[in-house]
Amino acid sequence: MRVGSIILVVTALFFSLGAVARTVHVHLDWIPDAEFAGIFMAMEKGWYKEAGIEIELIPAGLDEMPDLPEGRLDVGIHSGQDIIRYADKGMPIRAIAANYQSSPICIVVGQESKINSVKDLKGKTVGIFAPQDLDTFRIMLANSGLTLNDVKTKQLKTINEVELVKMLKEKEIDALPAWEFNWTLTFPLLGYRVRVFPGYDNGFHFYGIVYFARKEILEKEKESMTKFLKTTIRGWQEVFKDVNAAAKLIVDKFYPAERLVAGSKELTMKQQSMELKLAQRFFFEGVSKAKLGWMTEWKWNRSIQIAKKYGVIPANSTLKAKDIFDDSFLKATMGKTP
């Protein structure tokens, strides 16, 4: 079964007492690719079915925070700074786990450019895909003494790698946001060498790819949410046993045909495998492999302070980690802290 813009539904039934399984509606913030490999692996192995839950995947896209409907057991997936921004606006959400202990966000420029540091972006044109990208540039520029007023922004209407490379070559844009293991790998596979400025070296300190849900859903469906999280973590642990096999699974069954790198299944599989290999650094930074997904109150409070400092949320915000972070599901899944 292939997933594009359609909804993928995988049905599982309880085998004990004929009970009706709970459905977990999972909002994806990107196309079905290596970012969600743990979920795909658990689906393929039938582990959600074993746990007695159904999974419905809903591609939501980068340009909006999923508005989790009341009355449904939904999980959102988004970046840490977006959790902070929307929680500060009053959205009743709680983060329950984080894939990446630090954000893999970065700024990418062509290697042939004369841009050798973030400071060199002054007067340049930077590409923007979604509102959250403004925060990326706002923070990383400010860390180098610049502001958004020092650059020109261009709204990008494509995520096609070939088209983006063409825009960089023709100087329609001079830089764009990416992850350290997606387009930074894909562009060279297309023959275009790049230079990368990592977010973690430029003031950007947030969790990357956070699982979250509405507070009332977490309170009502604690058992099902714990099953989802435990099974998803199990899926990721299986992925890292053989990333090449995981990449093949993704490309064969989940990756949208229309999004294949340069239309090539071979190139796409190579990129997905490399992505999973490099992503492990972000999964396990500062925690043991047995504690995949862990979050700390200290890290969330640090991120909130950064968000206040650089204008992601108002400087006078009273938001605290306890307002957006619930580690009880991780504790129920793993036990002790790392």
C-alpha atoms as a PDB file:
ATOM      1  CA  MET A   1       0.000   0.000   0.000  1.00  0.00           C
ATOM      2  CA  ARG A   2       1.393   3.438  -0.948  1.00  0.00           C
ATOM      3  CA  VAL A   3       0.803   6.692   0.868  1.00  0.00           C
ATOM      4  CA  GLY A   4       0.706  10.077  -0.886  1.00  0.00           C
ATOM      5  CA  SER A   5      -1.707  12.782   0.035  1.00  0.00           C
ATOM      6  CA  ILE A   6      -4.312  10.181   0.926  1.00  0.00           C
ATOM      7  CA  ILE A   7      -5.053   8.912   4.391  1.00  0.00           C
ATOM      8  CA  LEU A   8      -3.540   5.561   5.248  1.00  0.00           C
ATOM      9  CA  VAL A   9      -5.619   3.446   7.570  1.00  0.00           C
ATOM     10  CA  VAL A  10      -4.304   0.326   9.220  1.00  0.00           C
ATOM     11  CA  THR A  11      -6.927  -1.601  11.165  1.00  0.00           C
ATOM     12  CA  ALA A  12      -6.222  -3.805  14.160  1.00  0.00           C
ATOM     13  CA  LEU A  13      -8.705  -5.585  16.423  1.00  0.00           C
ATOM     14  CA  PHE A  14      -8.346  -6.810  19.955  1.00  0.00           C
ATOM     15  CA  PHE A  15      -8.223 -10.567  20.061  1.00  0.00           C
ATOM     16  CA  SER A  16      -9.129 -10.743  23.730  1.00  0.00           C
ATOM     17  CA  LEU A  17     -12.840 -10.684  24.541  1.00  0.00           C
ATOM     18  CA  GLY A  18     -13.589  -9.346  21.070  1.00  0.00           C
ATOM     19  CA  ALA A  19     -13.064  -5.782  22.265  1.00  0.00           C
ATOM     20  CA  VAL A  20     -13.096  -2.896  19.795  1.00  0.00           C
ATOM     21  CA  ALA A  21      -9.626  -1.414  19.292  1.00  0.00           C
ATOM     22  CA  ARG A  22      -8.852   2.207  20.039  1.00  0.00           C
ATOM     23  CA  THR A  23      -7.898   4.333  17.041  1.00  0.00           C
ATOM     24  CA  VAL A  24      -4.887   6.643  17.227  1.00  0.00           C
ATOM     25  CA  HIS A  25      -5.063   9.377  14.574  1.00  0.00           C
ATOM     26  CA  VAL A  26      -1.480  10.467  13.899  1.00  0.00           C
ATOM     27  CA  HIS A  27      -0.891  13.798  12.160  1.00  0.00           C
ATOM     28  CA  LEU A  28       2.265  13.817  10.034  1.00  0.00           C
ATOM     29  CA  ASP A  29       4.094  17.089   9.376  1.00  0.00           C
ATOM     30  CA  TRP A  30       5.866  15.872   6.228  1.00  0.00           C
ATOM     31  CA  ILE A  31       5.551  13.336   3.443  1.00  0.00           C
ATOM     32  CA  PRO A  32       5.669   9.674   4.557  1.00  0.00           C
ATOM     33  CA  ASP A  33       9.435   9.090   4.682  1.00  0.00           C
ATOM     34  CA  ALA A  34      12.275   8.174   7.060  1.00  0.00           C
ATOM     35  CA  GLU A  35      11.064  10.755   9.577  1.00  0.00           C
ATOM     36  CA  PHE A  36       8.307   8.285  10.520  1.00  0.00           C
ATOM     37  CA  ALA A  37      10.240   5.041  10.061  1.00  0.00           C
ATOM     38  CA  GLY A  38       9.512   3.830  13.586  1.00  0.00           C
ATOM     39  CA  ILE A  39       5.771   4.068  13.011  1.00  0.00           C
ATOM     40  CA  PHE A  40       6.013   2.345   9.628  1.00  0.00           C
ATOM     41  CA  MET A  41       8.116  -0.464  11.068  1.00  0.00           C
ATOM     42  CA  ALA A  42       5.680  -1.068  13.918  1.00  0.00           C
ATOM     43  CA  MET A  43       2.830  -1.106  11.407  1.00  0.00           C
ATOM     44  CA  GLU A  44       4.664  -3.562   9.168  1.00  0.00           C
ATOM     45  CA  LYS A  45       5.436  -5.873  12.086  1.00  0.00           C
ATOM     46  CA  GLY A  46       1.843  -5.797  13.301  1.00  0.00           C
ATOM     47  CA  TRP A  47       2.879  -4.487  16.711  1.00  0.00           C
ATOM     48  CA  TYR A  48       0.100  -1.902  16.982  1.00  0.00           C
ATOM     49  CA  LYS A  49      -2.320  -4.725  16.281  1.00  0.00           C
ATOM     50  CA  GLU A  50      -0.734  -6.754  19.061  1.00  0.00           C
ATOM     51  CA  ALA A  51      -1.142  -3.788  21.408  1.00  0.00           C
ATOM     52  CA  GLY A  52      -4.831  -3.567  20.505  1.00  0.00           C
ATOM     53  CA  ILE A  53      -4.859  -0.195  18.759  1.00  0.00           C
ATOM     54  CA  GLU A  54      -5.567   1.066  15.256  1.00  0.00           C
ATOM     55  CA  ILE A  55      -3.393   3.650  13.501  1.00  0.00           C
ATOM     56  CA  GLU A  56      -4.683   6.255  11.077  1.00  0.00           C
ATOM     57  CA  LEU A  57      -1.996   8.433   9.475  1.00  0.00           C
ATOM     58  CA  ILE A  58      -3.052  11.898   8.348  1.00  0.00           C
ATOM     59  CA  PRO A  59      -0.492  13.968   6.382  1.00  0.00           C
ATOM     60  CA  ALA A  60      -1.035  17.487   7.735  1.00  0.00           C
ATOM     61  CA  GLY A  61       1.855  19.360   6.127  1.00  0.00           C
ATOM     62  CA  LEU A  62       4.368  21.936   7.311  1.00  0.00           C
ATOM     63  CA  ASP A  63       2.174  24.996   7.044  1.00  0.00           C
ATOM     64  CA  GLU A  64      -0.185  24.310   9.905  1.00  0.00           C
ATOM     65  CA  MET A  65      -0.172  22.956  13.412  1.00  0.00           C
ATOM     66  CA  PRO A  66      -2.648  20.074  13.474  1.00  0.00           C
ATOM     67  CA  ASP A  67      -5.754  21.179  15.351  1.00  0.00           C
ATOM     68  CA  LEU A  68      -6.405  18.027  17.316  1.00  0.00           C
ATOM     69  CA  PRO A  69     -10.173  17.439  17.320  1.00  0.00           C
ATOM     70  CA  GLU A  70     -11.871  16.876  20.641  1.00  0.00           C
ATOM     71  CA  GLY A  71     -13.280  13.436  21.129  1.00  0.00           C
ATOM     72  CA  ARG A  72     -10.644  11.685  18.995  1.00  0.00           C
ATOM     73  CA  LEU A  73      -7.461  10.050  20.189  1.00  0.00           C
ATOM     74  CA  ASP A  74      -4.967  12.061  18.157  1.00  0.00           C
ATOM     75  CA  VAL A  75      -1.208  12.477  18.217  1.00  0.00           C
ATOM     76  CA  GLY A  76       0.513  15.421  16.544  1.00  0.00           C
ATOM     77  CA  ILE A  77       4.116  15.424  15.333  1.00  0.00           C
ATOM     78  CA  HIS A  78       5.916  18.756  15.101  1.00  0.00           C
ATOM     79  CA  SER A  79       9.086  20.639  16.023  1.00  0.00           C
ATOM     80  CA  GLY A  80       9.773  21.746  19.583  1.00  0.00           C
ATOM     81  CA  GLN A  81       9.623  25.481  18.894  1.00  0.00           C
ATOM     82  CA  ASP A  82       6.166  25.083  17.362  1.00  0.00           C
ATOM     83  CA  ILE A  83       4.918  23.265  20.447  1.00  0.00           C
ATOM     84  CA  ILE A  84       6.138  26.233  22.495  1.00  0.00           C
ATOM     85  CA  ARG A  85       4.589  28.825  20.160  1.00  0.00           C
ATOM     86  CA  TYR A  86       1.156  27.229  20.044  1.00  0.00           C
ATOM     87  CA  ALA A  87       1.088  26.374  23.739  1.00  0.00           C
ATOM     88  CA  ASP A  88       1.850  30.023  24.507  1.00  0.00           C
ATOM     89  CA  LYS A  89      -1.144  30.966  22.353  1.00  0.00           C
ATOM     90  CA  GLY A  90      -3.335  28.854  24.588  1.00  0.00           C
ATOM     91  CA  MET A  91      -3.584  25.579  22.664  1.00  0.00           C
ATOM     92  CA  PRO A  92      -4.119  22.884  25.360  1.00  0.00           C
ATOM     93  CA  ILE A  93      -1.367  20.519  24.227  1.00  0.00           C
ATOM     94  CA  ARG A  94       1.282  18.473  26.013  1.00  0.00           C
ATOM     95  CA  ALA A  95       4.487  16.981  24.607  1.00  0.00           C
ATOM     96  CA  ILE A  96       4.920  13.319  25.533  1.00  0.00           C
ATOM     97  CA  ALA A  97       8.137  12.281  23.732  1.00  0.00           C
ATOM     98  CA  ALA A  98      10.809  13.621  21.395  1.00  0.00           C
ATOM     99  CA  ASN A  99      12.486  11.786  18.536  1.00  0.00           C
ATOM    100  CA  TYR A 100      15.442  14.168  18.335  1.00  0.00           C
ATOM    101  CA  GLN A 101      17.249  15.360  21.455  1.00  0.00           C
ATOM    102  CA  SER A 102      18.427  18.401  19.498  1.00  0.00           C
ATOM    103  CA  SER A 103      16.986  19.906  16.361  1.00  0.00           C
ATOM    104  CA  PRO A 104      18.601  18.888  13.056  1.00  0.00           C
ATOM    105  CA  ILE A 105      17.503  22.177  11.473  1.00  0.00           C
ATOM    106  CA  CYS A 106      20.158  23.957   9.449  1.00  0.00           C
ATOM    107  CA  ILE A 107      20.639  26.555   6.729  1.00  0.00           C
ATOM    108  CA  VAL A 108      21.872  25.286   3.367  1.00  0.00           C
ATOM    109  CA  VAL A 109      23.720  27.276   0.698  1.00  0.00           C
ATOM    110  CA  GLY A 110      25.494  26.265  -2.485  1.00  0.00           C
ATOM    111  CA  GLN A 111      29.155  25.401  -2.044  1.00  0.00           C
ATOM    112  CA  GLU A 112      29.985  27.645  -4.994  1.00  0.00           C
ATOM    113  CA  SER A 113      28.491  30.635  -3.176  1.00  0.00           C
ATOM    114  CA  LYS A 114      30.598  33.099  -1.233  1.00  0.00           C
ATOM    115  CA  ILE A 115      28.468  32.488   1.842  1.00  0.00           C
ATOM    116  CA  ASN A 116      30.853  31.029   4.399  1.00  0.00           C
ATOM    117  CA  SER A 117      28.931  31.814   7.583  1.00  0.00           C
ATOM    118  CA  VAL A 118      25.493  32.902   8.729  1.00  0.00           C
ATOM    119  CA  LYS A 119      26.801  36.489   8.858  1.00  0.00           C
ATOM    120  CA  ASP A 120      27.336  36.336   5.098  1.00  0.00           C
ATOM    121  CA  LEU A 121      23.570  36.029   4.573  1.00  0.00           C
ATOM    122  CA  LYS A 122      23.223  39.786   5.041  1.00  0.00           C
ATOM    123  CA  GLY A 123      21.546  41.201   1.944  1.00  0.00           C
ATOM    124  CA  LYS A 124      20.825  37.727   0.562  1.00  0.00           C
ATOM    125  CA  THR A 125      17.521  36.072  -0.321  1.00  0.00           C
ATOM    126  CA  VAL A 126      16.433  33.172   1.874  1.00  0.00           C
ATOM    127  CA  GLY A 127      13.706  30.716   0.986  1.00  0.00           C
ATOM    128  CA  ILE A 128      10.767  30.153   3.322  1.00  0.00           C
ATOM    129  CA  PHE A 129       8.427  27.140   3.181  1.00  0.00           C
ATOM    130  CA  ALA A 130       6.255  27.779   6.235  1.00  0.00           C
ATOM    131  CA  PRO A 131       5.899  30.359   9.050  1.00  0.00           C
ATOM    132  CA  GLN A 132       8.069  28.246  11.350  1.00  0.00           C
ATOM    133  CA  ASP A 133      11.010  28.860   8.999  1.00  0.00           C
ATOM    134  CA  LEU A 134      10.955  32.518   9.983  1.00  0.00           C
ATOM    135  CA  ASP A 135      11.774  31.435  13.523  1.00  0.00           C
ATOM    136  CA  THR A 136      14.689  29.374  12.239  1.00  0.00           C
ATOM    137  CA  PHE A 137      16.197  32.354  10.442  1.00  0.00           C
ATOM    138  CA  ARG A 138      15.228  34.810  13.184  1.00  0.00           C
ATOM    139  CA  ILE A 139      17.151  32.848  15.812  1.00  0.00           C
ATOM    140  CA  MET A 140      20.146  31.857  13.717  1.00  0.00           C
ATOM    141  CA  LEU A 141      20.562  35.356  12.277  1.00  0.00           C
ATOM    142  CA  ALA A 142      20.252  36.957  15.718  1.00  0.00           C
ATOM    143  CA  ASN A 143      22.968  34.640  17.003  1.00  0.00           C
ATOM    144  CA  SER A 144      25.244  36.306  14.419  1.00  0.00           C
ATOM    145  CA  GLY A 145      24.094  39.839  15.156  1.00  0.00           C
ATOM    146  CA  LEU A 146      21.598  40.081  12.281  1.00  0.00           C
ATOM    147  CA  THR A 147      17.818  40.325  12.029  1.00  0.00           C
ATOM    148  CA  LEU A 148      15.210  39.300   9.476  1.00  0.00           C
ATOM    149  CA  ASN A 149      15.419  42.868   8.168  1.00  0.00           C
ATOM    150  CA  ASP A 150      18.963  42.099   7.016  1.00  0.00           C
ATOM    151  CA  VAL A 151      17.756  39.492   4.518  1.00  0.00           C
ATOM    152  CA  LYS A 152      15.090  39.203   1.859  1.00  0.00           C
ATOM    153  CA  THR A 153      12.611  36.361   2.149  1.00  0.00           C
ATOM    154  CA  LYS A 154      11.005  34.452  -0.692  1.00  0.00           C
ATOM    155  CA  GLN A 155       8.020  32.175  -0.217  1.00  0.00           C
ATOM    156  CA  LEU A 156       8.793  28.806  -1.764  1.00  0.00           C
ATOM    157  CA  LYS A 157       5.929  26.953  -3.400  1.00  0.00           C
ATOM    158  CA  THR A 158       7.747  23.706  -4.109  1.00  0.00           C
ATOM    159  CA  ILE A 159       9.535  21.025  -2.109  1.00  0.00           C
ATOM    160  CA  ASN A 160      10.800  19.279  -5.227  1.00  0.00           C
ATOM    161  CA  GLU A 161      14.555  18.830  -4.837  1.00  0.00           C
ATOM    162  CA  VAL A 162      15.361  19.292  -8.533  1.00  0.00           C
ATOM    163  CA  GLU A 163      13.457  22.580  -8.606  1.00  0.00           C
ATOM    164  CA  LEU A 164      15.103  23.798  -5.405  1.00  0.00           C
ATOM    165  CA  VAL A 165      18.578  23.055  -6.739  1.00  0.00           C
ATOM    166  CA  LYS A 166      17.698  25.008  -9.881  1.00  0.00           C
ATOM    167  CA  MET A 167      16.628  27.983  -7.774  1.00  0.00           C
ATOM    168  CA  LEU A 168      19.913  27.919  -5.862  1.00  0.00           C
ATOM    169  CA  LYS A 169      21.973  27.607  -9.036  1.00  0.00           C
ATOM    170  CA  GLU A 170      20.133  30.490 -10.704  1.00  0.00           C
ATOM    171  CA  LYS A 171      20.322  32.640  -7.551  1.00  0.00           C
ATOM    172  CA  GLU A 172      16.567  32.966  -7.147  1.00  0.00           C
ATOM    173  CA  ILE A 173      17.423  32.161  -3.553  1.00  0.00           C
ATOM    174  CA  ASP A 174      20.755  32.088  -1.775  1.00  0.00           C
ATOM    175  CA  ALA A 175      19.812  29.848   1.136  1.00  0.00           C
ATOM    176  CA  LEU A 176      17.023  27.694   2.473  1.00  0.00           C
ATOM    177  CA  PRO A 177      16.202  25.815   5.690  1.00  0.00           C
ATOM    178  CA  ALA A 178      16.712  22.058   5.761  1.00  0.00           C
ATOM    179  CA  TRP A 179      17.575  19.211   8.067  1.00  0.00           C
ATOM    180  CA  GLU A 180      21.116  17.983   8.359  1.00  0.00           C
ATOM    181  CA  PHE A 181      20.137  14.649   6.880  1.00  0.00           C
ATOM    182  CA  ASN A 182      17.511  15.387   4.221  1.00  0.00           C
ATOM    183  CA  TRP A 183      18.268  17.892   1.466  1.00  0.00           C
ATOM    184  CA  THR A 184      21.849  18.170   2.649  1.00  0.00           C
ATOM    185  CA  LEU A 185      22.102  14.587   1.367  1.00  0.00           C
ATOM    186  CA  THR A 186      19.659  14.796  -1.524  1.00  0.00           C
ATOM    187  CA  PHE A 187      21.212  17.826  -3.239  1.00  0.00           C
ATOM    188  CA  PRO A 188      24.683  16.193  -3.496  1.00  0.00           C
ATOM    189  CA  LEU A 189      23.027  13.031  -4.833  1.00  0.00           C
ATOM    190  CA  LEU A 190      21.718  15.288  -7.610  1.00  0.00           C
ATOM    191  CA  GLY A 191      25.236  16.610  -8.231  1.00  0.00           C
ATOM    192  CA  TYR A 192      24.871  19.888  -6.327  1.00  0.00           C
ATOM    193  CA  ARG A 193      27.336  20.342  -3.480  1.00  0.00           C
ATOM    194  CA  VAL A 194      26.266  22.369  -0.469  1.00  0.00           C
ATOM    195  CA  ARG A 195      27.534  24.114   2.631  1.00  0.00           C
ATOM    196  CA  VAL A 196      25.613  23.645   5.873  1.00  0.00           C
ATOM    197  CA  PHE A 197      25.212  25.877   8.939  1.00  0.00           C
ATOM    198  CA  PRO A 198      23.750  23.748  11.776  1.00  0.00           C
ATOM    199  CA  GLY A 199      21.122  25.227  14.050  1.00  0.00           C
ATOM    200  CA  TYR A 200      22.758  23.832  17.190  1.00  0.00           C
ATOM    201  CA  ASP A 201      25.905  25.835  16.368  1.00  0.00           C
ATOM    202  CA  ASN A 202      23.872  29.001  15.871  1.00  0.00           C
ATOM    203  CA  GLY A 203      21.655  29.415  18.909  1.00  0.00           C
ATOM    204  CA  PHE A 204      18.836  27.053  17.879  1.00  0.00           C
ATOM    205  CA  HIS A 205      18.269  24.737  20.849  1.00  0.00           C
ATOM    206  CA  PHE A 206      14.957  22.902  20.726  1.00  0.00           C
ATOM    207  CA  TYR A 207      13.756  19.327  20.638  1.00  0.00           C
ATOM    208  CA  GLY A 208      13.176  18.155  17.088  1.00  0.00           C
ATOM    209  CA  ILE A 209      10.088  16.119  16.121  1.00  0.00           C
ATOM    210  CA  VAL A 210       7.943  15.993  19.218  1.00  0.00           C
ATOM    211  CA  TYR A 211       4.933  13.742  19.790  1.00  0.00           C
ATOM    212  CA  PHE A 212       2.127  15.700  21.415  1.00  0.00           C
ATOM    213  CA  ALA A 213      -1.617  15.564  22.056  1.00  0.00           C
ATOM    214  CA  ARG A 214      -4.408  17.585  23.557  1.00  0.00           C
ATOM    215  CA  LYS A 215      -4.360  17.591  27.348  1.00  0.00           C
ATOM    216  CA  GLU A 216      -7.886  16.231  27.730  1.00  0.00           C
ATOM    217  CA  ILE A 217      -7.168  13.334  25.369  1.00  0.00           C
ATOM    218  CA  LEU A 218      -4.069  12.398  27.332  1.00  0.00           C
ATOM    219  CA  GLU A 219      -6.080  12.407  30.532  1.00  0.00           C
ATOM    220  CA  LYS A 220      -8.923  10.300  29.128  1.00  0.00           C
ATOM    221  CA  GLU A 221      -6.859   7.839  27.087  1.00  0.00           C
ATOM    222  CA  LYS A 222      -3.702   7.319  29.101  1.00  0.00           C
ATOM    223  CA  GLU A 223      -3.594   3.560  28.504  1.00  0.00           C
ATOM    224  CA  SER A 224      -3.990   3.813  24.727  1.00  0.00           C
ATOM    225  CA  MET A 225      -1.516   6.662  24.473  1.00  0.00           C
ATOM    226  CA  THR A 226       1.043   4.670  26.443  1.00  0.00           C
ATOM    227  CA  LYS A 227       0.512   1.708  24.106  1.00  0.00           C
ATOM    228  CA  PHE A 228       1.033   3.946  21.086  1.00  0.00           C
ATOM    229  CA  LEU A 229       4.231   5.436  22.462  1.00  0.00           C
ATOM    230  CA  LYS A 230       5.673   2.123  23.646  1.00  0.00           C
ATOM    231  CA  THR A 231       4.949   0.472  20.303  1.00  0.00           C
ATOM    232  CA  THR A 232       6.369   3.379  18.301  1.00  0.00           C
ATOM    233  CA  ILE A 233       9.582   3.330  20.330  1.00  0.00           C
ATOM    234  CA  ARG A 234       9.800  -0.413  19.732  1.00  0.00           C
ATOM    235  CA  GLY A 235       9.456   0.316  16.011  1.00  0.00           C
ATOM    236  CA  TRP A 236      12.357   2.778  16.107  1.00  0.00           C
ATOM    237  CA  GLN A 237      14.546   0.346  17.987  1.00  0.00           C
ATOM    238  CA  GLU A 238      13.871  -2.191  15.238  1.00  0.00           C
ATOM    239  CA  VAL A 239      14.670   0.388  12.534  1.00  0.00           C
ATOM    240  CA  PHE A 240      18.128   1.001  13.963  1.00  0.00           C
ATOM    241  CA  LYS A 241      18.967  -2.696  13.889  1.00  0.00           C
ATOM    242  CA  ASP A 242      19.114  -2.494  10.073  1.00  0.00           C
ATOM    243  CA  VAL A 243      18.588   0.935   8.530  1.00  0.00           C
ATOM    244  CA  ASN A 244      19.027  -0.384   4.995  1.00  0.00           C
ATOM    245  CA  ALA A 245      16.129  -2.793   5.458  1.00  0.00           C
ATOM    246  CA  ALA A 246      14.070   0.004   7.002  1.00  0.00           C
ATOM    247  CA  ALA A 247      14.810   2.301   4.046  1.00  0.00           C
ATOM    248  CA  LYS A 248      13.685  -0.410   1.643  1.00  0.00           C
ATOM    249  CA  LEU A 249      10.447  -0.855   3.571  1.00  0.00           C
ATOM    250  CA  ILE A 250       9.771   2.889   3.455  1.00  0.00           C
ATOM    251  CA  VAL A 251      10.406   3.263  -0.281  1.00  0.00           C
ATOM    252  CA  ASP A 252       8.608   0.052  -1.224  1.00  0.00           C
ATOM    253  CA  LYS A 253       5.446   0.618   0.801  1.00  0.00           C
ATOM    254  CA  PHE A 254       5.090   4.174   2.064  1.00  0.00           C
ATOM    255  CA  TYR A 255       7.102   6.759   0.117  1.00  0.00           C
ATOM    256  CA  PRO A 256       4.925   8.637  -2.433  1.00  0.00           C
ATOM    257  CA  ALA A 257       5.835   7.686  -6.008  1.00  0.00           C
ATOM    258  CA  GLU A 258       5.514  11.290  -7.157  1.00  0.00           C
ATOM    259  CA  ARG A 259       8.137  12.388  -4.592  1.00  0.00           C
ATOM    260  CA  LEU A 260      10.940   9.970  -5.530  1.00  0.00           C
ATOM    261  CA  VAL A 261      14.283  11.800  -5.792  1.00  0.00           C
ATOM    262  CA  ALA A 262      14.645  12.708  -9.479  1.00  0.00           C
ATOM    263  CA  GLY A 263      12.030   9.994 -10.104  1.00  0.00           C
ATOM    264  CA  SER A 264      14.541   7.351  -9.026  1.00  0.00           C
ATOM    265  CA  LYS A 265      13.680   4.629  -6.536  1.00  0.00           C
ATOM    266  CA  GLU A 266      17.372   3.765  -6.215  1.00  0.00           C
ATOM    267  CA  LEU A 267      18.412   7.329  -5.350  1.00  0.00           C
ATOM    268  CA  THR A 268      15.525   7.650  -2.911  1.00  0.00           C
ATOM    269  CA  MET A 269      16.427   4.428  -1.119  1.00  0.00           C
ATOM    270  CA  LYS A 270      20.043   5.580  -0.844  1.00  0.00           C
ATOM    271  CA  GLN A 271      18.965   8.925   0.581  1.00  0.00           C
ATOM    272  CA  GLN A 272      16.556   7.340   3.069  1.00  0.00           C
ATOM    273  CA  SER A 273      19.197   4.891   4.285  1.00  0.00           C
ATOM    274  CA  MET A 274      21.761   7.671   4.751  1.00  0.00           C
ATOM    275  CA  GLU A 275      19.167   9.786   6.543  1.00  0.00           C
ATOM    276  CA  LEU A 276      18.438   7.044   9.063  1.00  0.00           C
ATOM    277  CA  LYS A 277      22.156   6.477   9.690  1.00  0.00           C
ATOM    278  CA  LEU A 278      22.817  10.164  10.365  1.00  0.00           C
ATOM    279  CA  ALA A 279      19.616  10.680  12.355  1.00  0.00           C
ATOM    280  CA  GLN A 280      20.794   8.318  15.090  1.00  0.00           C
ATOM    281  CA  ARG A 281      23.066  11.015  16.453  1.00  0.00           C
ATOM    282  CA  PHE A 282      20.054  13.216  17.148  1.00  0.00           C
ATOM    283  CA  PHE A 283      17.990  10.374  18.613  1.00  0.00           C
ATOM    284  CA  PHE A 284      20.579   9.332  21.188  1.00  0.00           C
ATOM    285  CA  GLU A 285      22.414  12.549  22.026  1.00  0.00           C
ATOM    286  CA  GLY A 286      22.753  12.608  25.802  1.00  0.00           C
ATOM    287  CA  VAL A 287      20.553   9.552  26.424  1.00  0.00           C
ATOM    288  CA  SER A 288      21.054   5.816  26.245  1.00  0.00           C
ATOM    289  CA  LYS A 289      19.523   3.799  23.425  1.00  0.00           C
ATOM    290  CA  ALA A 290      17.134   2.325  25.965  1.00  0.00           C
ATOM    291  CA  LYS A 291      15.763   5.820  26.616  1.00  0.00           C
ATOM    292  CA  LEU A 292      14.807   6.767  23.090  1.00  0.00           C
ATOM    293  CA  GLY A 293      12.268   9.599  23.146  1.00  0.00           C
ATOM    294  CA  TRP A 294      13.239  11.011  26.526  1.00  0.00           C
ATOM    295  CA  MET A 295      12.614  14.664  27.456  1.00  0.00           C
ATOM    296  CA  THR A 296      13.592  16.769  30.451  1.00  0.00           C
ATOM    297  CA  GLU A 297      12.034  19.740  32.178  1.00  0.00           C
ATOM    298  CA  TRP A 298      15.400  21.522  32.105  1.00  0.00           C
ATOM    299  CA  LYS A 299      15.652  21.284  28.306  1.00  0.00           C
ATOM    300  CA  TRP A 300      12.097  22.507  27.792  1.00  0.00           C
ATOM    301  CA  ASN A 301      12.631  25.482  30.110  1.00  0.00           C
ATOM    302  CA  ARG A 302      15.878  26.334  28.319  1.00  0.00           C
ATOM    303  CA  SER A 303      14.054  26.237  24.981  1.00  0.00           C
ATOM    304  CA  ILE A 304      11.297  28.478  26.346  1.00  0.00           C
ATOM    305  CA  GLN A 305      13.925  31.025  27.407  1.00  0.00           C
ATOM    306  CA  ILE A 306      15.425  30.970  23.908  1.00  0.00           C
ATOM    307  CA  ALA A 307      11.961  31.370  22.397  1.00  0.00           C
ATOM    308  CA  LYS A 308      11.375  34.428  24.588  1.00  0.00           C
ATOM    309  CA  LYS A 309      14.806  35.889  23.852  1.00  0.00           C
ATOM    310  CA  TYR A 310      14.392  35.717  20.081  1.00  0.00           C
ATOM    311  CA  GLY A 311      10.718  36.586  19.739  1.00  0.00           C
ATOM    312  CA  VAL A 312       9.185  33.181  19.043  1.00  0.00           C
ATOM    313  CA  ILE A 313       6.907  33.981  21.972  1.00  0.00           C
ATOM    314  CA  PRO A 314       6.554  37.289  23.889  1.00  0.00           C
ATOM    315  CA  ALA A 315       9.426  38.149  26.216  1.00  0.00           C
ATOM    316  CA  ASN A 316       6.975  38.492  29.115  1.00  0.00           C
ATOM    317  CA  SER A 317       5.427  35.061  28.560  1.00  0.00           C
ATOM    318  CA  THR A 318       4.830  33.063  31.742  1.00  0.00           C
ATOM    319  CA  LEU A 319       4.974  29.710  29.940  1.00  0.00           C
ATOM    320  CA  LYS A 320       6.820  26.971  31.839  1.00  0.00           C
ATOM    321  CA  ALA A 321       7.872  23.435  30.919  1.00  0.00           C
ATOM    322  CA  LYS A 322       5.179  21.980  33.172  1.00  0.00           C
ATOM    323  CA  ASP A 323       2.589  23.728  30.961  1.00  0.00           C
ATOM    324  CA  ILE A 324       3.606  21.833  27.821  1.00  0.00           C
ATOM    325  CA  PHE A 325       5.453  18.715  28.917  1.00  0.00           C
ATOM    326  CA  ASP A 326       4.178  15.420  30.387  1.00  0.00           C
ATOM    327  CA  ASP A 327       6.769  12.697  30.940  1.00  0.00           C
ATOM    328  CA  SER A 328       4.390  10.249  32.616  1.00  0.00           C
ATOM    329  CA  PHE A 329       3.908   8.315  29.368  1.00  0.00           C
ATOM    330  CA  LEU A 330       7.642   7.861  28.895  1.00  0.00           C
ATOM    331  CA  LYS A 331       8.000   6.803  32.517  1.00  0.00           C
ATOM    332  CA  ALA A 332       5.194   4.300  32.101  1.00  0.00           C
ATOM    333  CA  THR A 333       6.954   2.975  28.995  1.00  0.00           C
ATOM    334  CA  MET A 334      10.557   2.967  30.203  1.00  0.00           C
ATOM    335  CA  GLY A 335      10.642   3.290  33.971  1.00  0.00           C
ATOM    336  CA  LYS A 336      13.596   5.220  35.348  1.00  0.00           C
ATOM    337  CA  THR A 337      15.114   8.351  33.842  1.00  0.00           C
ATOM    338  CA  PRO A 338      18.327   8.068  31.765  1.00  0.00           C
END
